[in-house]
Protein backbone atom coordinates (compact mmCIF):
# COMPACT_ATOMS: atom_id res chain seq x y z
CA MET A 1 16.97 -18.52 -4.73
CA GLU A 2 18.64 -15.16 -5.28
CA LYS A 3 18.80 -13.25 -8.56
CA THR A 4 19.56 -9.66 -9.54
CA TYR A 5 18.41 -7.83 -12.67
CA LEU A 6 19.28 -4.41 -14.08
CA TYR A 7 16.68 -3.12 -16.52
CA ASP A 8 15.14 -0.01 -17.98
CA GLU A 9 11.50 0.84 -18.64
CA SER A 10 11.53 -0.89 -22.02
CA GLU A 11 12.40 -4.19 -20.30
CA VAL A 12 9.68 -4.23 -17.62
CA LYS A 13 7.65 -6.81 -19.55
CA LYS A 14 10.66 -9.16 -19.67
CA ILE A 15 11.16 -8.79 -15.91
CA ALA A 16 7.45 -9.46 -15.33
CA GLN A 17 7.78 -12.66 -17.37
CA GLU A 18 10.63 -13.73 -15.07
CA LEU A 19 8.31 -13.26 -12.10
CA VAL A 20 5.47 -15.17 -13.79
CA ALA A 21 7.87 -18.10 -14.17
CA LEU A 22 8.26 -18.09 -10.37
CA MET A 23 4.52 -18.24 -9.66
CA ASP A 24 4.52 -22.04 -9.63
CA ARG A 25 6.93 -21.84 -6.72
CA TYR A 26 5.74 -18.78 -4.79
CA GLN A 27 2.26 -17.61 -3.82
CA ILE A 28 3.27 -14.33 -2.18
CA PHE A 29 5.45 -11.63 -3.73
CA THR A 30 6.62 -8.63 -1.70
CA PHE A 31 7.80 -5.39 -3.29
CA THR A 32 10.07 -3.00 -1.41
CA GLY A 33 12.05 0.03 -2.49
CA PRO A 34 11.98 3.81 -2.39
CA LEU A 35 9.08 5.84 -3.74
CA GLY A 36 9.14 5.83 -7.52
CA ALA A 37 11.35 2.73 -7.81
CA GLY A 38 8.75 0.97 -9.96
CA LYS A 39 6.87 -1.31 -7.56
CA THR A 40 3.41 -0.60 -8.98
CA THR A 41 4.72 -0.50 -12.55
CA LEU A 42 6.22 -3.97 -12.14
CA ILE A 43 3.04 -5.31 -10.52
CA ARG A 44 0.97 -3.86 -13.39
CA ALA A 45 3.23 -5.63 -15.93
CA LEU A 46 3.09 -8.87 -13.92
CA LEU A 47 -0.71 -8.81 -13.81
CA THR A 48 -0.88 -8.10 -17.54
CA GLU A 49 1.34 -11.13 -18.17
CA CYS A 50 -1.07 -13.17 -16.03
CA GLY A 51 -4.02 -12.18 -18.21
CA VAL A 52 -5.48 -9.39 -16.10
CA PHE A 53 -6.83 -6.63 -18.31
CA GLY A 54 -8.09 -3.22 -17.33
CA PRO A 55 -6.63 -0.61 -15.05
CA VAL A 56 -4.19 -1.73 -12.36
CA THR A 57 -3.56 0.89 -9.70
CA SER A 58 -1.87 0.91 -6.34
CA PRO A 59 -4.43 0.54 -3.54
CA THR A 60 -2.77 3.26 -1.45
CA PHE A 61 -5.99 4.43 0.17
CA THR A 62 -8.04 1.22 0.07
CA TYR A 63 -5.14 -1.10 1.07
CA LEU A 64 -6.33 -3.88 -1.29
CA ASN A 65 -7.32 -4.32 -4.93
CA VAL A 66 -8.53 -7.70 -6.20
CA TYR A 67 -7.98 -8.76 -9.79
CA GLU A 68 -9.04 -11.88 -11.66
CA ASN A 69 -8.16 -13.38 -15.04
CA ASP A 70 -10.23 -15.58 -17.34
CA ARG A 71 -8.70 -18.72 -15.76
CA ASP A 72 -10.42 -17.90 -12.44
CA GLN A 73 -7.10 -17.04 -10.86
CA LYS A 74 -7.19 -14.23 -8.30
CA PHE A 75 -4.54 -11.69 -7.48
CA TYR A 76 -4.63 -9.72 -4.22
CA HIS A 77 -2.65 -6.48 -4.51
CA PHE A 78 -1.89 -4.81 -1.19
CA ASP A 79 -0.30 -1.44 -0.51
CA LEU A 80 0.56 -1.38 3.20
CA TYR A 81 2.27 2.02 3.22
CA ARG A 82 -0.37 3.40 5.62
CA ILE A 83 -0.73 0.28 7.81
CA ASN A 84 1.05 1.04 11.06
CA SER A 85 1.27 -2.37 12.70
CA LEU A 86 0.82 -6.08 12.27
CA ASN A 87 -2.20 -5.81 14.56
CA ASP A 88 -3.84 -3.32 12.17
CA PHE A 89 -3.36 -5.80 9.32
CA LEU A 90 -4.77 -8.69 11.37
CA SER A 91 -7.69 -6.62 12.70
CA ALA A 92 -8.73 -5.84 9.13
CA GLY A 93 -8.86 -9.60 8.40
CA PHE A 94 -6.30 -9.30 5.62
CA GLU A 95 -4.30 -12.38 6.66
CA GLU A 96 -6.94 -14.62 5.05
CA TYR A 97 -5.77 -13.42 1.62
CA LEU A 98 -2.29 -14.84 2.15
CA SER A 99 -3.31 -18.45 1.56
CA VAL A 100 -6.33 -18.55 -0.77
CA PRO A 101 -6.04 -21.45 -3.25
CA ASN A 102 -5.52 -20.55 -6.92
CA SER A 103 -4.44 -17.03 -5.99
CA TRP A 104 -1.34 -14.90 -5.53
CA THR A 105 -0.74 -12.03 -3.15
CA LEU A 106 1.34 -9.02 -4.21
CA VAL A 107 2.36 -6.74 -1.34
CA GLU A 108 3.88 -3.28 -1.64
CA TRP A 109 5.48 -1.98 1.58
CA PRO A 110 5.31 -5.37 3.41
CA THR A 111 7.53 -4.52 6.41
CA VAL A 112 4.75 -4.65 9.04
CA ILE A 113 3.63 -8.15 8.01
CA LEU A 114 7.03 -9.80 7.50
CA PRO A 115 6.51 -11.98 10.62
CA LEU A 116 3.60 -13.66 8.78
CA LEU A 117 5.63 -14.34 5.63
CA LYS A 118 7.74 -17.41 6.33
CA ASP A 119 7.10 -19.75 3.37
CA ASN A 120 6.09 -19.49 -0.25
CA VAL A 121 7.40 -15.90 -0.49
CA CYS A 122 9.49 -14.16 -3.12
CA HIS A 123 10.89 -10.83 -1.94
CA CYS A 124 11.39 -8.28 -4.71
CA GLU A 125 13.65 -5.38 -3.72
CA LEU A 126 13.69 -2.51 -6.21
CA ASP A 127 16.10 0.39 -6.40
CA TYR A 128 17.71 2.85 -8.80
CA VAL A 129 21.15 2.40 -10.36
CA ASP A 130 22.12 5.27 -12.66
CA ASN A 131 19.32 5.43 -15.27
CA LYS A 132 18.19 1.86 -14.68
CA ARG A 133 16.18 -0.07 -12.15
CA LYS A 134 17.68 -2.81 -10.05
CA LEU A 135 15.59 -5.78 -8.93
CA MET A 136 16.90 -8.24 -6.39
CA LEU A 137 14.82 -11.41 -5.92
CA ARG A 138 15.12 -13.50 -2.79
CA GLY A 139 12.95 -16.55 -2.22
CA ALA A 140 11.90 -18.09 1.07
């Protein structure tokens, strides 16, 4: 599966709904792109569409935030910007979050753990194009 979207800030909810539709197929979503490309903003909209209410922030300094909705679904939101190696990720025991039943894992800056992400993964690559955002989806 490969899809590309061009959107502006007013269309983030629509893009999040497109991602929600893929959650039956994928358990892990990665988010890559330059600083300020909208990774956290898109994740916040996605979680809102999934019924998560309250503040959603990037776990830049804690590496992981856990969210839950009223359907007992869990969402593990990682920001791996400061993780230097796959071994650091494994040593922290984070790999267990990649396959918890009735949950989804959302990973910003996933480069160091890509060797672990073979199946059930939707890669979301964000970028800027003029005054819009560009989202390229690639499923594995």
